Amino acid sequence: MTPLATFSGLRRFPLIALSHNSLFPSLVIGPQAVTIRVLRRHVLAYDDLMPVRLSRRLGHRLTFAPRQGWRDFTASFASREEAAKALAALVDFGAPVDGDSLALIA
């Protein structure tokens, strides 16, 4: 999937980006992990993730927060449909997804 942009930021500070990528962003949703490219590729295993959140701030944003560490990773999509497709793929592969986020695409 090709999001509009990807970001890495400080956990609990959603509008502060440490780095971003709007030239070559990518999000690969696989059977065991999600790979997001900000400045470099980050592979995040589903077992190591907190529930994935979908928010409607500055586009439709999927936020991936590892259980350990101080950073989170965000993929921003221009449309609700693109974000819903990504969230559905995450659900299909058994990724932890926030219940409120599922309600946003229902």
PDB file of N, CA and C in Angstrom:
ATOM      1  N   MET A   1       0.841  -1.177   0.000  1.00  0.00           N
ATOM      2  CA  MET A   1       0.000   0.000   0.000  1.00  0.00           C
ATOM      3  C   MET A   1       0.885   1.238   0.000  1.00  0.00           C
ATOM      4  N   THR A   2       0.388   2.262  -0.615  1.00  0.00           N
ATOM      5  CA  THR A   2       1.142   3.511  -0.649  1.00  0.00           C
ATOM      6  C   THR A   2       0.354   4.601   0.062  1.00  0.00           C
ATOM      7  N   PRO A   3       0.724   4.873   1.306  1.00  0.00           N
ATOM      8  CA  PRO A   3       0.050   5.961   2.013  1.00  0.00           C
ATOM      9  C   PRO A   3       0.488   7.315   1.468  1.00  0.00           C
ATOM     10  N   LEU A   4      -0.243   8.330   1.865  1.00  0.00           N
ATOM     11  CA  LEU A   4       0.086   9.699   1.469  1.00  0.00           C
ATOM     12  C   LEU A   4       1.432  10.111   2.061  1.00  0.00           C
ATOM     13  N   ALA A   5       1.653   9.736   3.323  1.00  0.00           N
ATOM     14  CA  ALA A   5       2.909  10.030   4.022  1.00  0.00           C
ATOM     15  C   ALA A   5       3.022   9.086   5.215  1.00  0.00           C
ATOM     16  N   THR A   6       4.246   8.919   5.701  1.00  0.00           N
ATOM     17  CA  THR A   6       4.484   8.138   6.912  1.00  0.00           C
ATOM     18  C   THR A   6       5.276   8.999   7.888  1.00  0.00           C
ATOM     19  N   PHE A   7       5.068   8.728   9.163  1.00  0.00           N
ATOM     20  CA  PHE A   7       5.703   9.518  10.214  1.00  0.00           C
ATOM     21  C   PHE A   7       6.193   8.603  11.317  1.00  0.00           C
ATOM     22  N   SER A   8       7.206   9.049  12.024  1.00  0.00           N
ATOM     23  CA  SER A   8       7.555   8.451  13.307  1.00  0.00           C
ATOM     24  C   SER A   8       7.513   9.589  14.313  1.00  0.00           C
ATOM     25  N   GLY A   9       7.028   9.287  15.498  1.00  0.00           N
ATOM     26  CA  GLY A   9       6.878  10.347  16.477  1.00  0.00           C
ATOM     27  C   GLY A   9       7.049   9.846  17.887  1.00  0.00           C
ATOM     28  N   LEU A  10       6.857  10.745  18.815  1.00  0.00           N
ATOM     29  CA  LEU A  10       6.927  10.419  20.223  1.00  0.00           C
ATOM     30  C   LEU A  10       5.577   9.889  20.670  1.00  0.00           C
ATOM     31  N   ARG A  11       5.595   8.783  21.370  1.00  0.00           N
ATOM     32  CA  ARG A  11       4.358   8.225  21.888  1.00  0.00           C
ATOM     33  C   ARG A  11       3.708   9.248  22.816  1.00  0.00           C
ATOM     34  N   ARG A  12       2.402   9.354  22.754  1.00  0.00           N
ATOM     35  CA  ARG A  12       1.576  10.276  23.549  1.00  0.00           C
ATOM     36  C   ARG A  12       1.638  11.727  23.078  1.00  0.00           C
ATOM     37  N   PHE A  13       2.366  12.012  22.008  1.00  0.00           N
ATOM     38  CA  PHE A  13       2.398  13.347  21.418  1.00  0.00           C
ATOM     39  C   PHE A  13       2.087  13.205  19.935  1.00  0.00           C
ATOM     40  N   PRO A  14       0.813  13.029  19.570  1.00  0.00           N
ATOM     41  CA  PRO A  14       0.458  12.635  18.205  1.00  0.00           C
ATOM     42  C   PRO A  14       0.765  13.656  17.115  1.00  0.00           C
ATOM     43  N   LEU A  15       0.907  14.913  17.437  1.00  0.00           N
ATOM     44  CA  LEU A  15       1.148  15.912  16.393  1.00  0.00           C
ATOM     45  C   LEU A  15       2.608  16.319  16.263  1.00  0.00           C
ATOM     46  N   ILE A  16       3.493  15.650  16.990  1.00  0.00           N
ATOM     47  CA  ILE A  16       4.917  15.948  16.896  1.00  0.00           C
ATOM     48  C   ILE A  16       5.596  14.814  16.137  1.00  0.00           C
ATOM     49  N   ALA A  17       6.106  15.116  14.962  1.00  0.00           N
ATOM     50  CA  ALA A  17       6.794  14.115  14.153  1.00  0.00           C
ATOM     51  C   ALA A  17       8.296  14.270  14.311  1.00  0.00           C
ATOM     52  N   LEU A  18       8.956  13.171  14.605  1.00  0.00           N
ATOM     53  CA  LEU A  18      10.421  13.181  14.650  1.00  0.00           C
ATOM     54  C   LEU A  18      10.981  13.087  13.244  1.00  0.00           C
ATOM     55  N   SER A  19      10.295  12.328  12.400  1.00  0.00           N
ATOM     56  CA  SER A  19      10.703  12.200  11.001  1.00  0.00           C
ATOM     57  C   SER A  19       9.466  11.885  10.170  1.00  0.00           C
ATOM     58  N   HIS A  20       9.547  12.196   8.887  1.00  0.00           N
ATOM     59  CA  HIS A  20       8.434  11.893   7.991  1.00  0.00           C
ATOM     60  C   HIS A  20       8.961  11.566   6.609  1.00  0.00           C
ATOM     61  N   ASN A  21       8.093  10.947   5.813  1.00  0.00           N
ATOM     62  CA  ASN A  21       8.460  10.571   4.458  1.00  0.00           C
ATOM     63  C   ASN A  21       7.235  10.775   3.580  1.00  0.00           C
ATOM     64  N   SER A  22       7.285  11.773   2.743  1.00  0.00           N
ATOM     65  CA  SER A  22       6.192  11.984   1.801  1.00  0.00           C
ATOM     66  C   SER A  22       6.642  11.738   0.359  1.00  0.00           C
ATOM     67  N   LEU A  23       7.918  11.412   0.168  1.00  0.00           N
ATOM     68  CA  LEU A  23       8.402  11.101  -1.176  1.00  0.00           C
ATOM     69  C   LEU A  23       8.256   9.627  -1.516  1.00  0.00           C
ATOM     70  N   PHE A  24       8.674   8.746  -0.621  1.00  0.00           N
ATOM     71  CA  PHE A  24       8.627   7.309  -0.863  1.00  0.00           C
ATOM     72  C   PHE A  24       8.038   6.558   0.326  1.00  0.00           C
ATOM     73  N   PRO A  25       6.839   6.925   0.768  1.00  0.00           N
ATOM     74  CA  PRO A  25       6.261   6.202   1.903  1.00  0.00           C
ATOM     75  C   PRO A  25       5.779   4.828   1.469  1.00  0.00           C
ATOM     76  N   SER A  26       5.819   3.875   2.375  1.00  0.00           N
ATOM     77  CA  SER A  26       5.249   2.568   2.045  1.00  0.00           C
ATOM     78  C   SER A  26       4.788   1.884   3.315  1.00  0.00           C
ATOM     79  N   LEU A  27       3.778   1.052   3.138  1.00  0.00           N
ATOM     80  CA  LEU A  27       3.220   0.251   4.210  1.00  0.00           C
ATOM     81  C   LEU A  27       2.950  -1.125   3.629  1.00  0.00           C
ATOM     82  N   VAL A  28       3.625  -2.129   4.180  1.00  0.00           N
ATOM     83  CA  VAL A  28       3.440  -3.512   3.729  1.00  0.00           C
ATOM     84  C   VAL A  28       2.832  -4.289   4.880  1.00  0.00           C
ATOM     85  N   ILE A  29       1.652  -4.833   4.640  1.00  0.00           N
ATOM     86  CA  ILE A  29       0.946  -5.601   5.665  1.00  0.00           C
ATOM     87  C   ILE A  29       1.105  -7.072   5.314  1.00  0.00           C
ATOM     88  N   GLY A  30       1.864  -7.788   6.151  1.00  0.00           N
ATOM     89  CA  GLY A  30       2.142  -9.195   5.902  1.00  0.00           C
ATOM     90  C   GLY A  30       1.458 -10.089   6.918  1.00  0.00           C
ATOM     91  N   PRO A  31       1.658 -11.394   6.794  1.00  0.00           N
ATOM     92  CA  PRO A  31       0.990 -12.331   7.699  1.00  0.00           C
ATOM     93  C   PRO A  31       1.487 -12.290   9.136  1.00  0.00           C
ATOM     94  N   GLN A  32       2.727 -11.888   9.375  1.00  0.00           N
ATOM     95  CA  GLN A  32       3.291 -11.887  10.725  1.00  0.00           C
ATOM     96  C   GLN A  32       3.662 -10.500  11.244  1.00  0.00           C
ATOM     97  N   ALA A  33       3.799  -9.534  10.327  1.00  0.00           N
ATOM     98  CA  ALA A  33       4.290  -8.217  10.722  1.00  0.00           C
ATOM     99  C   ALA A  33       3.860  -7.165   9.709  1.00  0.00           C
ATOM    100  N   VAL A  34       3.972  -5.930  10.131  1.00  0.00           N
ATOM    101  CA  VAL A  34       3.755  -4.801   9.241  1.00  0.00           C
ATOM    102  C   VAL A  34       5.115  -4.115   9.055  1.00  0.00           C
ATOM    103  N   THR A  35       5.394  -3.702   7.830  1.00  0.00           N
ATOM    104  CA  THR A  35       6.635  -2.985   7.536  1.00  0.00           C
ATOM    105  C   THR A  35       6.262  -1.586   7.069  1.00  0.00           C
ATOM    106  N   ILE A  36       6.789  -0.592   7.760  1.00  0.00           N
ATOM    107  CA  ILE A  36       6.507   0.796   7.413  1.00  0.00           C
ATOM    108  C   ILE A  36       7.829   1.490   7.106  1.00  0.00           C
ATOM    109  N   ARG A  37       7.830   2.259   6.044  1.00  0.00           N
ATOM    110  CA  ARG A  37       9.043   2.987   5.675  1.00  0.00           C
ATOM    111  C   ARG A  37       8.844   4.463   5.993  1.00  0.00           C
ATOM    112  N   VAL A  38       9.670   4.942   6.899  1.00  0.00           N
ATOM    113  CA  VAL A  38       9.713   6.373   7.176  1.00  0.00           C
ATOM    114  C   VAL A  38      11.018   6.841   6.547  1.00  0.00           C
ATOM    115  N   LEU A  39      12.092   6.923   7.280  1.00  0.00           N
ATOM    116  CA  LEU A  39      13.394   7.171   6.664  1.00  0.00           C
ATOM    117  C   LEU A  39      14.077   5.856   6.314  1.00  0.00           C
ATOM    118  N   ARG A  40      13.765   4.838   7.085  1.00  0.00           N
ATOM    119  CA  ARG A  40      14.224   3.481   6.805  1.00  0.00           C
ATOM    120  C   ARG A  40      13.063   2.549   7.090  1.00  0.00           C
ATOM    121  N   ARG A  41      13.221   1.300   6.746  1.00  0.00           N
ATOM    122  CA  ARG A  41      12.153   0.334   6.972  1.00  0.00           C
ATOM    123  C   ARG A  41      12.144  -0.140   8.422  1.00  0.00           C
ATOM    124  N   HIS A  42      10.958  -0.193   8.983  1.00  0.00           N
ATOM    125  CA  HIS A  42      10.763  -0.690  10.345  1.00  0.00           C
ATOM    126  C   HIS A  42       9.807  -1.866  10.260  1.00  0.00           C
ATOM    127  N   VAL A  43      10.227  -3.024  10.744  1.00  0.00           N
ATOM    128  CA  VAL A  43       9.388  -4.212  10.756  1.00  0.00           C
ATOM    129  C   VAL A  43       8.834  -4.358  12.167  1.00  0.00           C
ATOM    130  N   LEU A  44       7.511  -4.357  12.268  1.00  0.00           N
ATOM    131  CA  LEU A  44       6.835  -4.416  13.560  1.00  0.00           C
ATOM    132  C   LEU A  44       5.982  -5.681  13.610  1.00  0.00           C
ATOM    133  N   ALA A  45       6.416  -6.660  14.408  1.00  0.00           N
ATOM    134  CA  ALA A  45       5.665  -7.908  14.545  1.00  0.00           C
ATOM    135  C   ALA A  45       4.355  -7.638  15.274  1.00  0.00           C
ATOM    136  N   TYR A  46       3.301  -8.322  14.864  1.00  0.00           N
ATOM    137  CA  TYR A  46       1.992  -8.104  15.481  1.00  0.00           C
ATOM    138  C   TYR A  46       2.004  -8.412  16.975  1.00  0.00           C
ATOM    139  N   ASP A  47       2.779  -9.409  17.378  1.00  0.00           N
ATOM    140  CA  ASP A  47       2.851  -9.766  18.799  1.00  0.00           C
ATOM    141  C   ASP A  47       3.479  -8.658  19.645  1.00  0.00           C
ATOM    142  N   ASP A  48       4.268  -7.796  19.021  1.00  0.00           N
ATOM    143  CA  ASP A  48       4.958  -6.723  19.742  1.00  0.00           C
ATOM    144  C   ASP A  48       4.225  -5.387  19.686  1.00  0.00           C
ATOM    145  N   LEU A  49       3.031  -5.363  19.076  1.00  0.00           N
ATOM    146  CA  LEU A  49       2.293  -4.112  18.905  1.00  0.00           C
ATOM    147  C   LEU A  49       1.164  -3.959  19.913  1.00  0.00           C
ATOM    148  N   MET A  50       0.952  -2.726  20.322  1.00  0.00           N
ATOM    149  CA  MET A  50      -0.267  -2.366  21.033  1.00  0.00           C
ATOM    150  C   MET A  50      -1.368  -2.302  19.975  1.00  0.00           C
ATOM    151  N   PRO A  51      -2.655  -2.256  20.359  1.00  0.00           N
ATOM    152  CA  PRO A  51      -3.708  -2.194  19.334  1.00  0.00           C
ATOM    153  C   PRO A  51      -3.525  -1.011  18.374  1.00  0.00           C
ATOM    154  N   VAL A  52      -3.664  -1.301  17.091  1.00  0.00           N
ATOM    155  CA  VAL A  52      -3.520  -0.295  16.036  1.00  0.00           C
ATOM    156  C   VAL A  52      -4.728   0.634  16.102  1.00  0.00           C
ATOM    157  N   ARG A  53      -4.459   1.938  16.005  1.00  0.00           N
ATOM    158  CA  ARG A  53      -5.519   2.943  16.086  1.00  0.00           C
ATOM    159  C   ARG A  53      -5.707   3.644  14.745  1.00  0.00           C
ATOM    160  N   LEU A  54      -6.959   3.917  14.423  1.00  0.00           N
ATOM    161  CA  LEU A  54      -7.302   4.718  13.257  1.00  0.00           C
ATOM    162  C   LEU A  54      -7.892   6.022  13.762  1.00  0.00           C
ATOM    163  N   SER A  55      -7.381   7.132  13.271  1.00  0.00           N
ATOM    164  CA  SER A  55      -7.928   8.435  13.668  1.00  0.00           C
ATOM    165  C   SER A  55      -8.139   9.290  12.429  1.00  0.00           C
ATOM    166  N   ARG A  56      -9.024  10.252  12.561  1.00  0.00           N
ATOM    167  CA  ARG A  56      -9.314  11.154  11.444  1.00  0.00           C
ATOM    168  C   ARG A  56      -8.771  12.540  11.767  1.00  0.00           C
ATOM    169  N   ARG A  57      -7.475  12.636  11.855  1.00  0.00           N
ATOM    170  CA  ARG A  57      -6.800  13.899  12.103  1.00  0.00           C
ATOM    171  C   ARG A  57      -5.758  14.059  11.002  1.00  0.00           C
ATOM    172  N   LEU A  58      -5.846  15.136  10.247  1.00  0.00           N
ATOM    173  CA  LEU A  58      -4.921  15.356   9.117  1.00  0.00           C
ATOM    174  C   LEU A  58      -4.980  14.181   8.146  1.00  0.00           C
ATOM    175  N   GLY A  59      -6.148  13.859   7.687  1.00  0.00           N
ATOM    176  CA  GLY A  59      -6.351  12.683   6.837  1.00  0.00           C
ATOM    177  C   GLY A  59      -6.790  11.523   7.717  1.00  0.00           C
ATOM    178  N   HIS A  60      -6.689  10.341   7.215  1.00  0.00           N
ATOM    179  CA  HIS A  60      -7.025   9.131   7.965  1.00  0.00           C
ATOM    180  C   HIS A  60      -5.711   8.455   8.318  1.00  0.00           C
ATOM    181  N   ARG A  61      -5.439   8.351   9.621  1.00  0.00           N
ATOM    182  CA  ARG A  61      -4.127   7.902  10.083  1.00  0.00           C
ATOM    183  C   ARG A  61      -4.213   6.590  10.831  1.00  0.00           C
ATOM    184  N   LEU A  62      -3.366   5.647  10.448  1.00  0.00           N
ATOM    185  CA  LEU A  62      -3.189   4.405  11.196  1.00  0.00           C
ATOM    186  C   LEU A  62      -1.927   4.563  12.028  1.00  0.00           C
ATOM    187  N   THR A  63      -2.038   4.330  13.325  1.00  0.00           N
ATOM    188  CA  THR A  63      -0.895   4.476  14.221  1.00  0.00           C
ATOM    189  C   THR A  63      -0.503   3.132  14.800  1.00  0.00           C
ATOM    190  N   PHE A  64       0.774   2.797  14.655  1.00  0.00           N
ATOM    191  CA  PHE A  64       1.357   1.552  15.152  1.00  0.00           C
ATOM    192  C   PHE A  64       2.297   1.904  16.300  1.00  0.00           C
ATOM    193  N   ALA A  65       2.030   1.355  17.481  1.00  0.00           N
ATOM    194  CA  ALA A  65       2.864   1.648  18.652  1.00  0.00           C
ATOM    195  C   ALA A  65       3.430   0.343  19.204  1.00  0.00           C
ATOM    196  N   PRO A  66       4.746   0.155  19.122  1.00  0.00           N
ATOM    197  CA  PRO A  66       5.351  -1.035  19.726  1.00  0.00           C
ATOM    198  C   PRO A  66       5.144  -1.019  21.242  1.00  0.00           C
ATOM    199  N   ARG A  67       5.031  -2.195  21.835  1.00  0.00           N
ATOM    200  CA  ARG A  67       4.842  -2.287  23.285  1.00  0.00           C
ATOM    201  C   ARG A  67       6.048  -1.720  24.032  1.00  0.00           C
ATOM    202  N   GLN A  68       7.231  -1.882  23.493  1.00  0.00           N
ATOM    203  CA  GLN A  68       8.463  -1.369  24.090  1.00  0.00           C
ATOM    204  C   GLN A  68       8.928  -0.148  23.307  1.00  0.00           C
ATOM    205  N   GLY A  69       9.491   0.814  23.993  1.00  0.00           N
ATOM    206  CA  GLY A  69      10.071   1.967  23.306  1.00  0.00           C
ATOM    207  C   GLY A  69       9.246   3.224  23.479  1.00  0.00           C
ATOM    208  N   TRP A  70       9.729   4.298  22.905  1.00  0.00           N
ATOM    209  CA  TRP A  70       9.146   5.613  23.078  1.00  0.00           C
ATOM    210  C   TRP A  70       8.594   6.192  21.780  1.00  0.00           C
ATOM    211  N   ARG A  71       8.716   5.442  20.680  1.00  0.00           N
ATOM    212  CA  ARG A  71       8.270   5.937  19.379  1.00  0.00           C
ATOM    213  C   ARG A  71       7.000   5.230  18.934  1.00  0.00           C
ATOM    214  N   ASP A  72       6.277   5.895  18.058  1.00  0.00           N
ATOM    215  CA  ASP A  72       5.199   5.243  17.336  1.00  0.00           C
ATOM    216  C   ASP A  72       5.341   5.600  15.861  1.00  0.00           C
ATOM    217  N   PHE A  73       4.616   4.879  15.025  1.00  0.00           N
ATOM    218  CA  PHE A  73       4.727   5.039  13.577  1.00  0.00           C
ATOM    219  C   PHE A  73       3.326   5.227  13.012  1.00  0.00           C
ATOM    220  N   THR A  74       3.195   6.145  12.071  1.00  0.00           N
ATOM    221  CA  THR A  74       1.888   6.493  11.522  1.00  0.00           C
ATOM    222  C   THR A  74       1.939   6.476  10.005  1.00  0.00           C
ATOM    223  N   ALA A  75       0.888   5.902   9.411  1.00  0.00           N
ATOM    224  CA  ALA A  75       0.691   5.965   7.968  1.00  0.00           C
ATOM    225  C   ALA A  75      -0.565   6.780   7.728  1.00  0.00           C
ATOM    226  N   SER A  76      -0.452   7.825   6.937  1.00  0.00           N
ATOM    227  CA  SER A  76      -1.559   8.738   6.683  1.00  0.00           C
ATOM    228  C   SER A  76      -2.106   8.494   5.277  1.00  0.00           C
ATOM    229  N   PHE A  77      -3.430   8.331   5.190  1.00  0.00           N
ATOM    230  CA  PHE A  77      -4.093   8.080   3.916  1.00  0.00           C
ATOM    231  C   PHE A  77      -5.007   9.247   3.578  1.00  0.00           C
ATOM    232  N   ALA A  78      -5.169   9.518   2.291  1.00  0.00           N
ATOM    233  CA  ALA A  78      -6.003  10.635   1.853  1.00  0.00           C
ATOM    234  C   ALA A  78      -7.484  10.319   1.977  1.00  0.00           C
ATOM    235  N   SER A  79      -7.851   9.058   1.791  1.00  0.00           N
ATOM    236  CA  SER A  79      -9.272   8.720   1.802  1.00  0.00           C
ATOM    237  C   SER A  79      -9.604   7.684   2.869  1.00  0.00           C
ATOM    238  N   ARG A  80     -10.842   7.701   3.264  1.00  0.00           N
ATOM    239  CA  ARG A  80     -11.355   6.743   4.236  1.00  0.00           C
ATOM    240  C   ARG A  80     -11.291   5.327   3.677  1.00  0.00           C
ATOM    241  N   GLU A  81     -11.553   5.177   2.383  1.00  0.00           N
ATOM    242  CA  GLU A  81     -11.561   3.856   1.747  1.00  0.00           C
ATOM    243  C   GLU A  81     -10.180   3.191   1.793  1.00  0.00           C
ATOM    244  N   GLU A  82      -9.137   3.967   1.528  1.00  0.00           N
ATOM    245  CA  GLU A  82      -7.778   3.422   1.576  1.00  0.00           C
ATOM    246  C   GLU A  82      -7.414   2.993   2.994  1.00  0.00           C
ATOM    247  N   ALA A  83      -7.749   3.816   3.968  1.00  0.00           N
ATOM    248  CA  ALA A  83      -7.469   3.481   5.363  1.00  0.00           C
ATOM    249  C   ALA A  83      -8.270   2.247   5.784  1.00  0.00           C
ATOM    250  N   ALA A  84      -9.513   2.149   5.334  1.00  0.00           N
ATOM    251  CA  ALA A  84     -10.357   0.999   5.664  1.00  0.00           C
ATOM    252  C   ALA A  84      -9.793  -0.281   5.062  1.00  0.00           C
ATOM    253  N   LYS A  85      -9.251  -0.199   3.842  1.00  0.00           N
ATOM    254  CA  LYS A  85      -8.622  -1.375   3.215  1.00  0.00           C
ATOM    255  C   LYS A  85      -7.424  -1.852   4.020  1.00  0.00           C
ATOM    256  N   ALA A  86      -6.608  -0.906   4.464  1.00  0.00           N
ATOM    257  CA  ALA A  86      -5.430  -1.262   5.262  1.00  0.00           C
ATOM    258  C   ALA A  86      -5.853  -1.868   6.602  1.00  0.00           C
ATOM    259  N   LEU A  87      -6.849  -1.286   7.233  1.00  0.00           N
ATOM    260  CA  LEU A  87      -7.321  -1.799   8.521  1.00  0.00           C
ATOM    261  C   LEU A  87      -7.938  -3.191   8.356  1.00  0.00           C
ATOM    262  N   ALA A  88      -8.679  -3.405   7.286  1.00  0.00           N
ATOM    263  CA  ALA A  88      -9.262  -4.724   7.018  1.00  0.00           C
ATOM    264  C   ALA A  88      -8.173  -5.772   6.805  1.00  0.00           C
ATOM    265  N   ALA A  89      -7.103  -5.396   6.115  1.00  0.00           N
ATOM    266  CA  ALA A  89      -5.986  -6.337   5.905  1.00  0.00           C
ATOM    267  C   ALA A  89      -5.326  -6.680   7.234  1.00  0.00           C
ATOM    268  N   LEU A  90      -5.183  -5.698   8.101  1.00  0.00           N
ATOM    269  CA  LEU A  90      -4.615  -5.955   9.425  1.00  0.00           C
ATOM    270  C   LEU A  90      -5.486  -6.929  10.215  1.00  0.00           C
ATOM    271  N   VAL A  91      -6.784  -6.726  10.168  1.00  0.00           N
ATOM    272  CA  VAL A  91      -7.720  -7.622  10.861  1.00  0.00           C
ATOM    273  C   VAL A  91      -7.618  -9.032  10.290  1.00  0.00           C
ATOM    274  N   ASP A  92      -7.539  -9.147   8.971  1.00  0.00           N
ATOM    275  CA  ASP A  92      -7.437 -10.463   8.319  1.00  0.00           C
ATOM    276  C   ASP A  92      -6.203 -11.233   8.764  1.00  0.00           C
ATOM    277  N   PHE A  93      -5.117 -10.523   9.025  1.00  0.00           N
ATOM    278  CA  PHE A  93      -3.877 -11.185   9.448  1.00  0.00           C
ATOM    279  C   PHE A  93      -3.775 -11.330  10.969  1.00  0.00           C
ATOM    280  N   GLY A  94      -4.790 -10.897  11.698  1.00  0.00           N
ATOM    281  CA  GLY A  94      -4.798 -11.090  13.146  1.00  0.00           C
ATOM    282  C   GLY A  94      -4.022 -10.055  13.935  1.00  0.00           C
ATOM    283  N   ALA A  95      -3.810  -8.904  13.362  1.00  0.00           N
ATOM    284  CA  ALA A  95      -3.118  -7.829  14.079  1.00  0.00           C
ATOM    285  C   ALA A  95      -4.039  -7.285  15.162  1.00  0.00           C
ATOM    286  N   PRO A  96      -3.474  -6.800  16.268  1.00  0.00           N
ATOM    287  CA  PRO A  96      -4.323  -6.195  17.293  1.00  0.00           C
ATOM    288  C   PRO A  96      -4.856  -4.848  16.791  1.00  0.00           C
ATOM    289  N   VAL A  97      -6.175  -4.689  16.788  1.00  0.00           N
ATOM    290  CA  VAL A  97      -6.802  -3.463  16.287  1.00  0.00           C
ATOM    291  C   VAL A  97      -7.744  -2.933  17.356  1.00  0.00           C
ATOM    292  N   ASP A  98      -7.681  -1.645  17.592  1.00  0.00           N
ATOM    293  CA  ASP A  98      -8.534  -0.966  18.563  1.00  0.00           C
ATOM    294  C   ASP A  98     -10.002  -1.090  18.143  1.00  0.00           C
ATOM    295  N   GLY A  99     -10.875  -1.412  19.087  1.00  0.00           N
ATOM    296  CA  GLY A  99     -12.292  -1.587  18.796  1.00  0.00           C
ATOM    297  C   GLY A  99     -12.954  -0.337  18.265  1.00  0.00           C
ATOM    298  N   ASP A 100     -12.586   0.835  18.792  1.00  0.00           N
ATOM    299  CA  ASP A 100     -13.150   2.088  18.305  1.00  0.00           C
ATOM    300  C   ASP A 100     -12.751   2.350  16.853  1.00  0.00           C
ATOM    301  N   SER A 101     -11.586   1.901  16.482  1.00  0.00           N
ATOM    302  CA  SER A 101     -11.116   2.077  15.113  1.00  0.00           C
ATOM    303  C   SER A 101     -11.938   1.246  14.145  1.00  0.00           C
ATOM    304  N   LEU A 102     -12.293   0.053  14.559  1.00  0.00           N
ATOM    305  CA  LEU A 102     -13.145  -0.792  13.711  1.00  0.00           C
ATOM    306  C   LEU A 102     -14.501  -0.143  13.498  1.00  0.00           C
ATOM    307  N   ALA A 103     -15.020   0.552  14.507  1.00  0.00           N
ATOM    308  CA  ALA A 103     -16.306   1.222  14.375  1.00  0.00           C
ATOM    309  C   ALA A 103     -16.245   2.360  13.380  1.00  0.00           C
ATOM    310  N   LEU A 104     -15.087   2.991  13.208  1.00  0.00           N
ATOM    311  CA  LEU A 104     -14.963   4.104  12.261  1.00  0.00           C
ATOM    312  C   LEU A 104     -15.112   3.651  10.806  1.00  0.00           C
ATOM    313  N   ILE A 105     -14.802   2.391  10.520  1.00  0.00           N
ATOM    314  CA  ILE A 105     -14.887   1.923   9.144  1.00  0.00           C
ATOM    315  C   ILE A 105     -16.134   1.078   8.896  1.00  0.00           C
ATOM    316  N   ALA A 106     -16.906   0.823   9.926  1.00  0.00           N
ATOM    317  CA  ALA A 106     -18.109  -0.005   9.774  1.00  0.00           C
ATOM    318  C   ALA A 106     -19.206   0.729   9.025  1.00  0.00           C
TER     319      ALA A 106
END
